[in-house]
């Protein structure tokens, strides 16, 4: 089972005894802050990891069915790098 935003909001509601509406606002605000600040800076959460935007260079792609080549444009991707503490807990 994967954890969704809805599950996280319910857990915030249980653990902190705040309403579901307030937990939703908290979750959405956190995600907006990460998206907004990761474009210009690295967003580091101690003991969890770091978010940052990473540019992928433009490259040549190929359709495997038709063998047609095309150019994939340069893209910005949100990258997450887990901290060593998180890696140790997972492994």
N, C-alpha and C. Protein backbone atom coordinates (compact mmCIF):
# COMPACT_ATOMS: atom_id res chain seq x y z
N UNK A 1 0.83 -1.18 0.00
CA UNK A 1 0.00 0.00 0.00
C UNK A 1 0.88 1.24 0.00
N UNK A 2 0.55 2.17 -0.87
CA UNK A 2 1.31 3.40 -0.91
C UNK A 2 0.64 4.45 -0.03
N UNK A 3 1.43 5.38 0.42
CA UNK A 3 0.92 6.46 1.26
C UNK A 3 0.57 7.63 0.36
N UNK A 4 -0.64 8.13 0.50
CA UNK A 4 -1.11 9.24 -0.31
C UNK A 4 -1.20 10.50 0.55
N UNK A 5 -1.46 11.63 -0.11
CA UNK A 5 -1.64 12.87 0.64
C UNK A 5 -2.80 12.74 1.62
N UNK A 6 -3.85 12.06 1.19
CA UNK A 6 -5.02 11.88 2.06
C UNK A 6 -4.64 11.10 3.32
N UNK A 7 -3.80 10.06 3.17
CA UNK A 7 -3.34 9.29 4.33
C UNK A 7 -2.49 10.14 5.26
N UNK A 8 -1.62 10.95 4.69
CA UNK A 8 -0.76 11.82 5.50
C UNK A 8 -1.62 12.82 6.27
N UNK A 9 -2.61 13.39 5.61
CA UNK A 9 -3.50 14.35 6.26
C UNK A 9 -4.25 13.69 7.41
N UNK A 10 -4.73 12.46 7.21
CA UNK A 10 -5.43 11.75 8.29
C UNK A 10 -4.49 11.48 9.46
N UNK A 11 -3.24 11.11 9.18
CA UNK A 11 -2.27 10.86 10.25
C UNK A 11 -1.94 12.14 11.01
N UNK A 12 -1.81 13.26 10.29
CA UNK A 12 -1.58 14.55 10.96
C UNK A 12 -2.76 14.86 11.88
N UNK A 13 -3.96 14.60 11.40
CA UNK A 13 -5.17 14.82 12.18
C UNK A 13 -5.17 13.99 13.46
N UNK A 14 -4.79 12.73 13.36
CA UNK A 14 -4.77 11.84 14.54
C UNK A 14 -3.68 12.24 15.53
N UNK A 15 -2.47 12.48 15.01
CA UNK A 15 -1.32 12.73 15.89
C UNK A 15 -1.38 14.08 16.59
N UNK A 16 -1.94 15.10 15.93
CA UNK A 16 -1.91 16.44 16.50
C UNK A 16 -3.26 16.93 16.98
N UNK A 17 -4.30 16.21 16.71
CA UNK A 17 -5.67 16.57 17.11
C UNK A 17 -6.13 17.89 16.51
N UNK A 18 -5.63 18.22 15.31
CA UNK A 18 -6.17 19.38 14.59
C UNK A 18 -7.17 18.86 13.57
N UNK A 19 -8.01 19.74 13.08
CA UNK A 19 -9.06 19.31 12.16
C UNK A 19 -8.49 18.86 10.83
N UNK A 20 -9.29 18.11 10.08
CA UNK A 20 -8.86 17.62 8.76
C UNK A 20 -8.64 18.80 7.83
N UNK A 21 -9.48 19.83 7.93
CA UNK A 21 -9.32 21.02 7.08
C UNK A 21 -8.00 21.72 7.36
N UNK A 22 -7.65 21.86 8.65
CA UNK A 22 -6.39 22.50 9.01
C UNK A 22 -5.20 21.64 8.59
N UNK A 23 -5.33 20.32 8.71
CA UNK A 23 -4.26 19.42 8.28
C UNK A 23 -4.06 19.50 6.77
N UNK A 24 -5.17 19.63 6.02
CA UNK A 24 -5.08 19.78 4.56
C UNK A 24 -4.37 21.07 4.21
N UNK A 25 -4.71 22.16 4.88
CA UNK A 25 -4.06 23.45 4.63
C UNK A 25 -2.57 23.36 4.96
N UNK A 26 -2.24 22.70 6.06
CA UNK A 26 -0.84 22.52 6.45
C UNK A 26 -0.06 21.75 5.38
N UNK A 27 -0.64 20.65 4.91
CA UNK A 27 0.02 19.82 3.90
C UNK A 27 0.20 20.58 2.59
N UNK A 28 -0.85 21.24 2.13
CA UNK A 28 -0.77 22.00 0.87
C UNK A 28 0.22 23.15 0.99
N UNK A 29 0.26 23.81 2.14
CA UNK A 29 1.21 24.91 2.34
C UNK A 29 2.64 24.41 2.30
N UNK A 30 2.88 23.27 2.94
CA UNK A 30 4.22 22.69 2.92
C UNK A 30 4.66 22.36 1.50
N UNK A 31 3.78 21.72 0.74
CA UNK A 31 4.12 21.34 -0.63
C UNK A 31 4.35 22.57 -1.51
N UNK A 32 3.55 23.61 -1.33
CA UNK A 32 3.74 24.85 -2.10
C UNK A 32 5.08 25.50 -1.76
N UNK A 33 5.44 25.51 -0.48
CA UNK A 33 6.73 26.08 -0.09
C UNK A 33 7.89 25.31 -0.71
N UNK A 34 7.81 24.00 -0.71
CA UNK A 34 8.88 23.19 -1.31
C UNK A 34 8.98 23.48 -2.80
N UNK A 35 7.84 23.51 -3.49
CA UNK A 35 7.85 23.77 -4.93
C UNK A 35 8.39 25.16 -5.24
N UNK A 36 7.97 26.14 -4.45
CA UNK A 36 8.36 27.54 -4.69
C UNK A 36 9.86 27.76 -4.45
N UNK A 37 10.35 27.27 -3.32
CA UNK A 37 11.74 27.55 -2.96
C UNK A 37 12.75 26.61 -3.62
N UNK A 38 12.32 25.45 -4.04
CA UNK A 38 13.25 24.51 -4.67
C UNK A 38 13.67 25.00 -6.05
N UNK A 39 12.88 25.90 -6.66
CA UNK A 39 13.26 26.42 -7.99
C UNK A 39 14.54 27.23 -7.93
N UNK A 40 14.76 27.92 -6.80
CA UNK A 40 15.93 28.78 -6.70
C UNK A 40 16.97 28.26 -5.71
N UNK A 41 16.54 27.56 -4.68
CA UNK A 41 17.45 27.08 -3.63
C UNK A 41 17.22 25.60 -3.37
N UNK A 42 18.15 25.01 -2.66
CA UNK A 42 17.96 23.64 -2.19
C UNK A 42 17.13 23.71 -0.91
N UNK A 43 16.10 22.88 -0.81
CA UNK A 43 15.26 22.82 0.39
C UNK A 43 15.70 21.60 1.18
N UNK A 44 16.32 21.85 2.36
CA UNK A 44 16.85 20.77 3.17
C UNK A 44 15.98 20.57 4.40
N UNK A 45 15.62 19.31 4.65
CA UNK A 45 14.89 18.93 5.85
C UNK A 45 15.80 18.00 6.64
N UNK A 46 16.28 18.46 7.78
CA UNK A 46 17.24 17.68 8.57
C UNK A 46 16.67 16.31 8.92
N UNK A 47 17.45 15.29 8.70
CA UNK A 47 17.05 13.93 9.02
C UNK A 47 16.14 13.30 7.97
N UNK A 48 15.76 14.07 6.94
CA UNK A 48 14.86 13.54 5.91
C UNK A 48 15.52 13.56 4.54
N UNK A 49 15.92 14.74 4.09
CA UNK A 49 16.56 14.84 2.78
C UNK A 49 16.49 16.24 2.22
N UNK A 50 16.77 16.36 0.93
CA UNK A 50 16.81 17.67 0.27
C UNK A 50 16.09 17.60 -1.07
N UNK A 51 15.35 18.67 -1.38
CA UNK A 51 14.66 18.83 -2.65
C UNK A 51 15.36 19.92 -3.44
N UNK A 52 15.49 19.74 -4.75
CA UNK A 52 16.01 20.80 -5.62
C UNK A 52 15.61 20.51 -7.05
N UNK A 53 15.56 21.57 -7.85
CA UNK A 53 15.27 21.41 -9.26
C UNK A 53 16.56 21.08 -9.98
N UNK A 54 16.45 20.20 -10.93
CA UNK A 54 17.61 19.78 -11.70
C UNK A 54 17.23 19.86 -13.17
N UNK A 55 18.08 20.47 -13.98
CA UNK A 55 17.82 20.56 -15.42
C UNK A 55 18.35 19.32 -16.12
N UNK A 56 17.51 18.75 -16.96
CA UNK A 56 17.98 17.65 -17.80
C UNK A 56 18.31 18.24 -19.17
N UNK A 57 19.44 17.87 -19.74
CA UNK A 57 19.80 18.44 -21.03
C UNK A 57 18.88 17.94 -22.15
N UNK A 58 18.85 18.71 -23.23
CA UNK A 58 18.05 18.23 -24.37
C UNK A 58 18.80 17.06 -25.00
N UNK A 59 18.02 16.11 -25.48
CA UNK A 59 18.63 14.88 -26.01
C UNK A 59 17.77 14.31 -27.12
N UNK A 60 18.31 13.34 -27.80
CA UNK A 60 17.60 12.70 -28.90
C UNK A 60 16.87 11.48 -28.36
N UNK A 61 15.58 11.40 -28.65
CA UNK A 61 14.77 10.25 -28.26
C UNK A 61 14.39 9.46 -29.49
N UNK A 62 13.92 8.23 -29.27
CA UNK A 62 13.55 7.39 -30.39
C UNK A 62 12.28 6.63 -30.05
N UNK A 63 11.34 6.62 -30.98
CA UNK A 63 10.12 5.83 -30.83
C UNK A 63 10.49 4.39 -31.18
N UNK A 64 10.40 3.45 -30.23
CA UNK A 64 10.82 2.08 -30.51
C UNK A 64 9.94 1.37 -31.53
N UNK A 65 8.70 1.80 -31.65
CA UNK A 65 7.78 1.14 -32.57
C UNK A 65 8.06 1.53 -34.03
N UNK A 66 8.31 2.83 -34.26
CA UNK A 66 8.50 3.31 -35.63
C UNK A 66 9.96 3.65 -35.95
N UNK A 67 10.82 3.64 -34.96
CA UNK A 67 12.24 4.01 -35.09
C UNK A 67 12.44 5.46 -35.51
N UNK A 68 11.42 6.32 -35.34
CA UNK A 68 11.57 7.74 -35.64
C UNK A 68 12.33 8.42 -34.50
N UNK A 69 13.26 9.30 -34.85
CA UNK A 69 14.01 10.06 -33.86
C UNK A 69 13.37 11.43 -33.70
N UNK A 70 13.47 11.96 -32.49
CA UNK A 70 12.97 13.31 -32.22
C UNK A 70 13.78 13.89 -31.07
N UNK A 71 13.71 15.19 -30.91
CA UNK A 71 14.47 15.86 -29.87
C UNK A 71 13.58 16.04 -28.64
N UNK A 72 14.07 15.58 -27.50
CA UNK A 72 13.40 15.79 -26.22
C UNK A 72 13.96 17.09 -25.66
N UNK A 73 13.12 18.10 -25.40
CA UNK A 73 13.63 19.40 -24.95
C UNK A 73 14.21 19.34 -23.53
N UNK A 74 14.96 20.40 -23.18
CA UNK A 74 15.50 20.53 -21.84
C UNK A 74 14.34 20.67 -20.85
N UNK A 75 14.40 19.93 -19.74
CA UNK A 75 13.32 19.93 -18.76
C UNK A 75 13.86 20.23 -17.36
N UNK A 76 13.00 20.79 -16.52
CA UNK A 76 13.30 20.96 -15.10
C UNK A 76 12.58 19.86 -14.34
N UNK A 77 13.31 19.15 -13.49
CA UNK A 77 12.73 18.09 -12.68
C UNK A 77 12.99 18.38 -11.22
N UNK A 78 12.01 18.08 -10.37
CA UNK A 78 12.21 18.19 -8.93
C UNK A 78 12.88 16.92 -8.46
N UNK A 79 14.06 17.06 -7.89
CA UNK A 79 14.87 15.92 -7.48
C UNK A 79 14.88 15.84 -5.96
N UNK A 80 14.78 14.64 -5.41
CA UNK A 80 14.87 14.43 -3.97
C UNK A 80 16.06 13.55 -3.67
N UNK A 81 16.89 14.00 -2.73
CA UNK A 81 18.03 13.20 -2.29
C UNK A 81 17.83 12.91 -0.81
N UNK A 82 17.63 11.64 -0.43
CA UNK A 82 17.40 11.32 0.98
C UNK A 82 18.66 11.52 1.81
N UNK A 83 18.46 11.84 3.09
CA UNK A 83 19.60 12.00 4.00
C UNK A 83 20.14 10.63 4.38
N UNK A 84 21.34 10.62 4.93
CA UNK A 84 21.94 9.36 5.36
C UNK A 84 21.15 8.73 6.49
N UNK A 85 20.53 9.54 7.35
CA UNK A 85 19.70 9.03 8.44
C UNK A 85 18.51 8.27 7.88
N UNK A 86 17.86 8.84 6.87
CA UNK A 86 16.71 8.18 6.24
C UNK A 86 17.15 6.90 5.52
N UNK A 87 18.28 6.96 4.84
CA UNK A 87 18.80 5.77 4.16
C UNK A 87 19.07 4.64 5.14
N UNK A 88 19.64 4.98 6.31
CA UNK A 88 19.94 3.97 7.31
C UNK A 88 18.66 3.35 7.87
N UNK A 89 17.61 4.16 8.06
CA UNK A 89 16.34 3.62 8.57
C UNK A 89 15.69 2.70 7.57
N UNK A 90 15.82 3.00 6.28
CA UNK A 90 15.22 2.17 5.24
C UNK A 90 15.97 0.85 5.10
N UNK A 91 17.29 0.93 5.14
CA UNK A 91 18.10 -0.30 4.93
C UNK A 91 18.27 -0.96 6.24
